[in-house]
Amino acid sequence: MLRYPSDALWQEITYLAYHLHWPLDDLLDLEHMDRVRMVRAVAKLNERAWEVAREYA
C-alpha cells in the first residue's frame, strides 16, 4: 500500500486552512481526491481574483 507523502498532505491542508478557515479535523476528514479537487478549485478562484485585481491596477 502506498502512503501519501506527509509533506504534501500538510501543504494541502495548510493551503485550504489558510483560504477557507476550516478546522484541522474537517480538513483531515476529507478524502484525498476531494482535498485535491478543493485545492485546485481554490487555486482557480485565487488566479481569477488576481486577474481581476491586475485589470483594475
N, C-alpha and C. Protein backbone atom coordinates (compact mmCIF):
# COMPACT_ATOMS: atom_id res chain seq x y z
N MET A 1 0.84 -1.18 0.00
CA MET A 1 0.00 0.00 0.00
C MET A 1 0.88 1.24 0.00
N LEU A 2 0.58 2.17 -0.87
CA LEU A 2 1.33 3.41 -0.95
C LEU A 2 0.77 4.43 0.03
N ARG A 3 1.64 5.18 0.65
CA ARG A 3 1.22 6.26 1.55
C ARG A 3 1.40 7.58 0.84
N TYR A 4 0.49 8.49 1.09
CA TYR A 4 0.60 9.84 0.55
C TYR A 4 1.67 10.57 1.35
N PRO A 5 2.59 11.23 0.71
CA PRO A 5 3.67 11.92 1.44
C PRO A 5 3.12 12.93 2.45
N SER A 6 3.59 12.85 3.67
CA SER A 6 3.06 13.72 4.72
C SER A 6 3.31 15.20 4.42
N ASP A 7 4.43 15.52 3.79
CA ASP A 7 4.69 16.93 3.44
C ASP A 7 3.63 17.45 2.47
N ALA A 8 3.26 16.65 1.49
CA ALA A 8 2.24 17.05 0.52
C ALA A 8 0.89 17.21 1.21
N LEU A 9 0.58 16.29 2.10
CA LEU A 9 -0.68 16.38 2.85
C LEU A 9 -0.75 17.68 3.63
N TRP A 10 0.32 17.99 4.34
CA TRP A 10 0.32 19.21 5.15
C TRP A 10 0.30 20.47 4.30
N GLN A 11 0.92 20.45 3.14
CA GLN A 11 0.83 21.61 2.24
C GLN A 11 -0.60 21.84 1.80
N GLU A 12 -1.30 20.76 1.44
CA GLU A 12 -2.70 20.88 1.02
C GLU A 12 -3.57 21.38 2.17
N ILE A 13 -3.38 20.80 3.34
CA ILE A 13 -4.19 21.19 4.50
C ILE A 13 -3.92 22.65 4.87
N THR A 14 -2.67 23.05 4.87
CA THR A 14 -2.31 24.43 5.21
C THR A 14 -2.93 25.40 4.21
N TYR A 15 -2.84 25.07 2.95
CA TYR A 15 -3.40 25.92 1.89
C TYR A 15 -4.91 26.09 2.08
N LEU A 16 -5.62 24.99 2.29
CA LEU A 16 -7.06 25.07 2.47
C LEU A 16 -7.43 25.76 3.78
N ALA A 17 -6.71 25.49 4.83
CA ALA A 17 -6.99 26.14 6.12
C ALA A 17 -6.80 27.65 6.00
N TYR A 18 -5.77 28.06 5.32
CA TYR A 18 -5.48 29.49 5.15
C TYR A 18 -6.61 30.18 4.38
N HIS A 19 -7.05 29.57 3.31
CA HIS A 19 -8.05 30.20 2.45
C HIS A 19 -9.49 29.99 2.91
N LEU A 20 -9.78 28.84 3.50
CA LEU A 20 -11.17 28.51 3.85
C LEU A 20 -11.46 28.67 5.34
N HIS A 21 -10.41 28.74 6.15
CA HIS A 21 -10.56 28.89 7.61
C HIS A 21 -11.35 27.73 8.21
N TRP A 22 -11.09 26.54 7.69
CA TRP A 22 -11.74 25.33 8.21
C TRP A 22 -10.89 24.74 9.32
N PRO A 23 -11.53 24.07 10.28
CA PRO A 23 -10.76 23.39 11.34
C PRO A 23 -9.94 22.23 10.78
N LEU A 24 -8.86 21.95 11.45
CA LEU A 24 -7.95 20.88 11.03
C LEU A 24 -8.67 19.54 10.90
N ASP A 25 -9.50 19.22 11.88
CA ASP A 25 -10.20 17.92 11.82
C ASP A 25 -11.06 17.79 10.56
N ASP A 26 -11.72 18.86 10.16
CA ASP A 26 -12.54 18.81 8.95
C ASP A 26 -11.69 18.57 7.71
N LEU A 27 -10.54 19.20 7.66
CA LEU A 27 -9.64 19.03 6.52
C LEU A 27 -9.05 17.63 6.48
N LEU A 28 -8.71 17.11 7.64
CA LEU A 28 -8.14 15.76 7.70
C LEU A 28 -9.18 14.69 7.36
N ASP A 29 -10.45 15.00 7.59
CA ASP A 29 -11.52 14.05 7.28
C ASP A 29 -11.80 13.93 5.78
N LEU A 30 -11.34 14.88 4.99
CA LEU A 30 -11.59 14.84 3.55
C LEU A 30 -10.86 13.66 2.91
N GLU A 31 -11.52 13.04 1.96
CA GLU A 31 -10.84 12.03 1.14
C GLU A 31 -9.77 12.72 0.31
N HIS A 32 -8.75 11.99 -0.02
CA HIS A 32 -7.62 12.56 -0.76
C HIS A 32 -8.06 13.30 -2.03
N MET A 33 -8.85 12.64 -2.87
CA MET A 33 -9.24 13.27 -4.14
C MET A 33 -10.17 14.46 -3.92
N ASP A 34 -10.98 14.45 -2.89
CA ASP A 34 -11.82 15.62 -2.57
C ASP A 34 -10.94 16.79 -2.16
N ARG A 35 -9.92 16.50 -1.36
CA ARG A 35 -8.99 17.56 -0.94
C ARG A 35 -8.24 18.12 -2.14
N VAL A 36 -7.81 17.25 -3.05
CA VAL A 36 -7.11 17.71 -4.25
C VAL A 36 -8.03 18.58 -5.10
N ARG A 37 -9.27 18.17 -5.27
CA ARG A 37 -10.23 18.98 -6.05
C ARG A 37 -10.44 20.34 -5.40
N MET A 38 -10.52 20.37 -4.09
CA MET A 38 -10.72 21.64 -3.40
C MET A 38 -9.50 22.55 -3.54
N VAL A 39 -8.32 21.97 -3.44
CA VAL A 39 -7.10 22.77 -3.63
C VAL A 39 -7.11 23.39 -5.02
N ARG A 40 -7.44 22.61 -6.02
CA ARG A 40 -7.49 23.12 -7.40
C ARG A 40 -8.55 24.20 -7.55
N ALA A 41 -9.71 24.00 -6.95
CA ALA A 41 -10.79 24.99 -7.05
C ALA A 41 -10.40 26.30 -6.38
N VAL A 42 -9.80 26.22 -5.20
CA VAL A 42 -9.37 27.43 -4.50
C VAL A 42 -8.27 28.13 -5.30
N ALA A 43 -7.36 27.36 -5.88
CA ALA A 43 -6.29 27.96 -6.70
C ALA A 43 -6.89 28.71 -7.89
N LYS A 44 -7.91 28.14 -8.53
CA LYS A 44 -8.55 28.83 -9.66
C LYS A 44 -9.22 30.12 -9.20
N LEU A 45 -9.89 30.07 -8.05
CA LEU A 45 -10.50 31.29 -7.51
C LEU A 45 -9.44 32.36 -7.25
N ASN A 46 -8.31 31.95 -6.70
CA ASN A 46 -7.23 32.90 -6.44
C ASN A 46 -6.67 33.48 -7.73
N GLU A 47 -6.49 32.63 -8.73
CA GLU A 47 -5.99 33.12 -10.02
C GLU A 47 -6.94 34.14 -10.62
N ARG A 48 -8.23 33.85 -10.57
CA ARG A 48 -9.22 34.78 -11.11
C ARG A 48 -9.22 36.09 -10.34
N ALA A 49 -9.12 36.02 -9.03
CA ALA A 49 -9.08 37.23 -8.21
C ALA A 49 -7.87 38.09 -8.57
N TRP A 50 -6.72 37.46 -8.80
CA TRP A 50 -5.53 38.21 -9.19
C TRP A 50 -5.69 38.82 -10.58
N GLU A 51 -6.33 38.09 -11.49
CA GLU A 51 -6.58 38.64 -12.82
C GLU A 51 -7.43 39.90 -12.73
N VAL A 52 -8.48 39.85 -11.95
CA VAL A 52 -9.36 41.00 -11.79
C VAL A 52 -8.60 42.15 -11.13
N ALA A 53 -7.79 41.84 -10.12
CA ALA A 53 -7.02 42.88 -9.45
C ALA A 53 -6.05 43.56 -10.41
N ARG A 54 -5.43 42.77 -11.29
CA ARG A 54 -4.49 43.35 -12.27
C ARG A 54 -5.23 44.24 -13.28
N GLU A 55 -6.45 43.88 -13.61
CA GLU A 55 -7.24 44.69 -14.56
C GLU A 55 -7.52 46.07 -14.01
N TYR A 56 -7.68 46.16 -12.68
CA TYR A 56 -8.02 47.43 -12.06
C TYR A 56 -6.81 48.15 -11.47
N ALA A 57 -5.64 47.61 -11.65
CA ALA A 57 -4.43 48.23 -11.10
C ALA A 57 -3.91 49.32 -12.02
